[in-house]
Amino acid sequence: MNTADRSIALVDAALRRRFRFISFPPNYTALIDYYDDFEDLEDVRETAQTDSNPYRSLVALSILALRELNDQIVDTPDLGKGKQIGHSYLMGPENVSEVLDAWRYEILPLLEEYYFGQFDRIREELFRGSGDRLFHWEMEEIADFTADDLRRTLANLGGIPLAEPETETEEDTQNTLNLTYYWGRNYLNLWVVCYLHPSVYLWIKMQDDNNREFNIAGSIAFTIIYFALVVMVVLV
């Protein structure tokens, strides 16, 4: 039954007089029982917060986030209890990738349809001003998010503090390595220029900055002149 379409209100009322209607809201108990890892809602919360298994943790966070989203939907006047997200979306995923796909290709597009593309309302009413990891708000589209993006957004939505620090992406790791190399290289150059002779420093500098081949003869000549000056200073 399309309860939102007022153009068929008379037909809807006529049908309702002839049938019985059974409410079938999201059943979180059935969803928890579907997974053998959980005993009750408190167990789901504990798993979401402390479990190091990525799959169990993401499933637990998804259950809690689904409850939170449905509570917000029920309280939204133009949506109501008839628009709640069904528990079946989370029954079936057997790994992290499948949980990720359930959110990316089923649950989030459903929310977009409910709000007729009003992404500002999705952000403010459902995600309380957050959700930047899952949506491109300016472009008004669902982002290509990672499992860690989803996990942290769902934790924030459900008010679940996560035990471990945020997972570092491959790009962040590379940036850290580059920064470490940069500072290590500069400290090495400083040590060389202070404690070794300038020819070695000159070689490091040329190799690092320009990748030019170093003139060995020039280095030897520079070294001889350097040590000659040192001997002259010592003798005098």
Protein backbone atom coordinates (compact mmCIF):
# COMPACT_ATOMS: atom_id res chain seq x y z
CA MET A 1 0.00 0.00 0.00
CA ASN A 2 1.29 3.40 -0.94
CA THR A 3 0.19 5.40 2.11
CA ALA A 4 2.04 8.52 0.95
CA ASP A 5 0.12 8.98 -2.33
CA ARG A 6 -2.97 11.04 -1.48
CA SER A 7 -4.31 10.82 -5.05
CA ILE A 8 -5.57 7.28 -4.34
CA ALA A 9 -6.84 8.03 -0.83
CA LEU A 10 -10.41 6.91 -1.62
CA VAL A 11 -9.28 3.64 -3.16
CA ASP A 12 -6.94 3.10 -0.23
CA ALA A 13 -9.74 3.65 2.27
CA ALA A 14 -12.01 1.24 0.40
CA LEU A 15 -9.38 -1.48 0.40
CA ARG A 16 -8.66 -0.99 4.06
CA ARG A 17 -12.29 -1.74 4.90
CA ARG A 18 -12.01 -5.13 3.24
CA PHE A 19 -8.67 -6.40 4.53
CA ARG A 20 -6.82 -6.90 7.75
CA PHE A 21 -3.50 -5.11 8.13
CA ILE A 22 -0.66 -6.56 10.15
CA SER A 23 2.16 -4.31 11.29
CA PHE A 24 5.58 -5.66 10.43
CA PRO A 25 8.16 -3.15 11.72
CA PRO A 26 11.91 -3.80 11.80
CA ASN A 27 12.57 -6.76 14.06
CA TYR A 28 15.89 -6.20 15.79
CA THR A 29 15.52 -9.32 17.90
CA ALA A 30 15.29 -11.44 14.77
CA LEU A 31 18.29 -9.60 13.36
CA ILE A 32 20.35 -10.26 16.50
CA ASP A 33 19.27 -13.92 16.57
CA TYR A 34 20.30 -14.26 12.93
CA TYR A 35 23.92 -13.79 13.94
CA ASP A 36 25.22 -16.43 16.34
CA ASP A 37 27.82 -13.99 17.70
CA PHE A 38 25.26 -11.91 19.64
CA GLU A 39 23.06 -12.78 22.59
CA ASP A 40 21.21 -9.51 23.13
CA LEU A 41 21.41 -5.79 22.42
CA GLU A 42 23.97 -5.17 25.15
CA ASP A 43 26.19 -7.82 23.65
CA VAL A 44 25.86 -6.04 20.31
CA ARG A 45 26.97 -2.77 21.92
CA GLU A 46 29.96 -4.40 23.58
CA THR A 47 30.97 -6.09 20.33
CA ALA A 48 30.67 -2.84 18.42
CA GLN A 49 32.95 -1.07 20.87
CA THR A 50 35.61 -3.64 21.70
CA ASP A 51 35.66 -6.50 19.19
CA SER A 52 38.79 -6.50 17.02
CA ASN A 53 37.16 -8.64 14.31
CA PRO A 54 36.29 -6.19 11.47
CA TYR A 55 33.24 -8.17 10.30
CA ARG A 56 31.61 -8.66 13.72
CA SER A 57 32.33 -5.08 14.69
CA LEU A 58 30.83 -3.69 11.49
CA VAL A 59 27.71 -5.87 11.76
CA ALA A 60 27.18 -4.77 15.37
CA LEU A 61 27.60 -1.10 14.44
CA SER A 62 25.20 -1.57 11.53
CA ILE A 63 22.48 -2.97 13.80
CA LEU A 64 22.84 -0.09 16.25
CA ALA A 65 22.93 2.49 13.46
CA LEU A 66 19.84 0.97 11.84
CA ARG A 67 17.94 1.42 15.12
CA GLU A 68 19.08 5.01 15.39
CA LEU A 69 18.16 5.86 11.80
CA ASN A 70 14.71 4.31 12.19
CA ASP A 71 14.10 6.29 15.36
CA GLN A 72 14.90 9.46 13.42
CA ILE A 73 12.67 8.38 10.52
CA VAL A 74 9.72 7.71 12.84
CA ASP A 75 10.08 11.20 14.32
CA THR A 76 10.18 12.85 10.88
CA PRO A 77 6.66 14.10 10.02
CA ASP A 78 6.73 13.38 6.28
CA LEU A 79 8.21 9.91 6.73
CA GLY A 80 6.89 8.13 9.81
CA LYS A 81 6.93 4.50 10.88
CA GLY A 82 5.90 3.25 7.43
CA LYS A 83 9.27 4.34 6.02
CA GLN A 84 11.50 2.54 8.49
CA ILE A 85 14.45 0.63 7.07
CA GLY A 86 13.80 -3.11 7.20
CA HIS A 87 16.06 -5.45 9.11
CA SER A 88 16.39 -7.78 6.10
CA TYR A 89 18.99 -5.47 4.51
CA LEU A 90 21.46 -6.71 7.12
CA MET A 91 20.48 -10.37 6.93
CA GLY A 92 22.75 -12.11 4.49
CA PRO A 93 26.08 -10.23 4.32
CA GLU A 94 28.80 -12.72 5.18
CA ASN A 95 31.87 -10.49 5.10
CA VAL A 96 32.93 -6.86 5.42
CA SER A 97 32.62 -6.25 1.68
CA GLU A 98 29.00 -7.43 1.61
CA VAL A 99 28.07 -5.28 4.62
CA LEU A 100 29.69 -2.34 2.84
CA ASP A 101 27.66 -3.05 -0.31
CA ALA A 102 24.43 -3.28 1.68
CA TRP A 103 24.93 0.27 2.91
CA ARG A 104 26.32 1.68 -0.33
CA TYR A 105 23.85 0.16 -2.78
CA GLU A 106 20.71 -0.45 -0.73
CA ILE A 107 20.31 1.46 2.53
CA LEU A 108 21.82 4.83 1.60
CA PRO A 109 20.10 4.98 -1.83
CA LEU A 110 16.82 4.21 -0.03
CA LEU A 111 17.37 7.20 2.26
CA GLU A 112 18.16 9.35 -0.77
CA GLU A 113 14.86 8.27 -2.34
CA TYR A 114 12.92 8.99 0.86
CA TYR A 115 14.23 12.54 0.94
CA PHE A 116 13.88 13.13 -2.82
CA GLY A 117 17.55 14.08 -3.09
CA GLN A 118 17.40 16.63 -0.26
CA PHE A 119 20.87 15.86 1.01
CA ASP A 120 20.84 18.74 3.47
CA ARG A 121 17.95 17.08 5.30
CA ILE A 122 19.68 13.71 5.24
CA ARG A 123 22.71 15.32 6.85
CA GLU A 124 20.86 17.30 9.50
CA GLU A 125 17.91 15.03 10.34
CA LEU A 126 19.50 11.58 10.08
CA PHE A 127 23.24 12.07 10.57
CA ARG A 128 23.07 15.11 12.89
CA GLY A 129 25.37 17.23 10.76
CA SER A 130 27.94 14.48 10.16
CA GLY A 131 28.19 11.75 7.52
CA ASP A 132 30.95 13.47 5.54
CA ARG A 133 32.67 10.12 5.03
CA LEU A 134 29.64 8.58 3.31
CA PHE A 135 28.32 11.51 1.27
CA HIS A 136 29.66 14.27 -0.95
CA TRP A 137 27.29 16.92 0.35
CA GLU A 138 28.23 19.62 -2.16
CA MET A 139 27.92 17.24 -5.12
CA GLU A 140 24.81 15.63 -3.61
CA GLU A 141 25.89 12.05 -4.13
CA ILE A 142 26.91 8.99 -2.16
CA ALA A 143 30.68 8.78 -1.76
CA ASP A 144 32.88 5.81 -2.62
CA PHE A 145 33.62 5.15 1.03
CA THR A 146 35.77 2.49 2.67
CA ALA A 147 34.87 0.02 5.40
CA ASP A 148 36.67 2.20 7.93
CA ASP A 149 34.69 5.26 6.77
CA LEU A 150 31.45 3.34 7.26
CA ARG A 151 32.55 1.95 10.60
CA ARG A 152 33.42 5.35 12.05
CA THR A 153 30.29 7.02 10.72
CA LEU A 154 28.05 4.33 12.19
CA ALA A 155 29.90 4.52 15.51
CA ASN A 156 29.37 8.28 15.61
CA LEU A 157 25.71 7.85 14.70
CA GLY A 158 25.16 5.30 17.47
CA GLY A 159 27.28 7.13 20.03
CA ILE A 160 29.72 4.23 20.28
CA PRO A 161 33.32 5.10 21.30
CA LEU A 162 35.75 2.89 19.44
CA ALA A 163 38.59 1.27 21.33
CA GLU A 164 41.37 1.41 18.74
CA PRO A 165 42.71 4.43 16.82
CA GLU A 166 41.57 5.22 13.32
CA THR A 167 42.92 2.95 10.62
CA GLU A 168 45.61 4.68 8.60
CA THR A 169 45.03 4.62 4.86
CA GLU A 170 47.71 3.67 2.35
CA GLU A 171 47.99 7.31 1.29
CA ASP A 172 48.47 8.43 4.90
CA THR A 173 51.14 5.78 5.39
CA GLN A 174 53.00 6.95 2.30
CA ASN A 175 52.79 10.57 3.44
CA THR A 176 54.20 9.57 6.83
CA LEU A 177 57.07 7.71 5.21
CA ASN A 178 57.81 10.67 2.94
CA LEU A 179 57.81 13.06 5.89
CA THR A 180 60.08 10.75 7.90
CA TYR A 181 62.47 10.46 5.00
CA TYR A 182 62.44 14.22 4.47
CA TRP A 183 63.37 15.05 8.04
CA GLY A 184 65.84 12.16 8.31
CA ARG A 185 67.55 13.25 5.13
CA ASN A 186 67.85 16.85 6.31
CA TYR A 187 69.26 15.80 9.69
CA LEU A 188 71.76 13.60 7.87
CA ASN A 189 72.81 16.51 5.68
CA LEU A 190 73.23 18.70 8.74
CA TRP A 191 75.36 16.07 10.47
CA VAL A 192 77.51 15.63 7.36
CA VAL A 193 78.14 19.33 6.91
CA CYS A 194 79.09 19.72 10.58
CA TYR A 195 81.28 16.65 11.10
CA LEU A 196 82.47 15.49 7.69
CA HIS A 197 84.23 17.31 4.94
CA PRO A 198 82.24 19.36 2.41
CA SER A 199 82.91 17.06 -0.53
CA VAL A 200 80.73 14.32 0.95
CA TYR A 201 78.00 16.83 1.70
CA LEU A 202 78.29 18.19 -1.83
CA TRP A 203 77.83 14.68 -3.21
CA ILE A 204 74.69 14.09 -1.08
CA LYS A 205 73.26 17.43 -2.07
CA MET A 206 73.83 16.91 -5.79
CA GLN A 207 72.43 13.38 -5.74
CA ASP A 208 69.39 14.43 -3.75
CA ASP A 209 68.46 17.66 -5.52
CA ASN A 210 69.33 17.07 -9.14
CA ASN A 211 70.16 13.39 -9.51
CA ARG A 212 73.20 14.40 -11.55
CA GLU A 213 76.26 12.21 -11.85
CA PHE A 214 78.96 13.33 -9.50
CA ASN A 215 82.41 14.20 -10.76
CA ILE A 216 84.77 11.93 -8.83
CA ALA A 217 87.83 13.88 -9.89
CA GLY A 218 86.30 17.09 -8.64
CA SER A 219 85.46 15.44 -5.34
CA ILE A 220 89.02 14.18 -4.89
CA ALA A 221 90.45 17.59 -5.72
CA PHE A 222 88.06 19.29 -3.33
CA THR A 223 88.98 16.78 -0.60
CA ILE A 224 92.73 17.37 -1.05
CA ILE A 225 92.28 21.15 -0.86
CA TYR A 226 90.09 20.76 2.23
CA PHE A 227 92.59 18.64 4.15
CA ALA A 228 95.46 20.89 3.04
CA LEU A 229 93.67 23.86 4.55
CA VAL A 230 93.03 21.89 7.76
CA VAL A 231 96.75 20.97 8.03
CA MET A 232 97.78 24.55 7.44
CA VAL A 233 95.43 25.80 10.17
CA VAL A 234 96.72 23.17 12.62
CA LEU A 235 100.40 23.87 11.90
CA VAL A 236 100.03 27.61 12.08
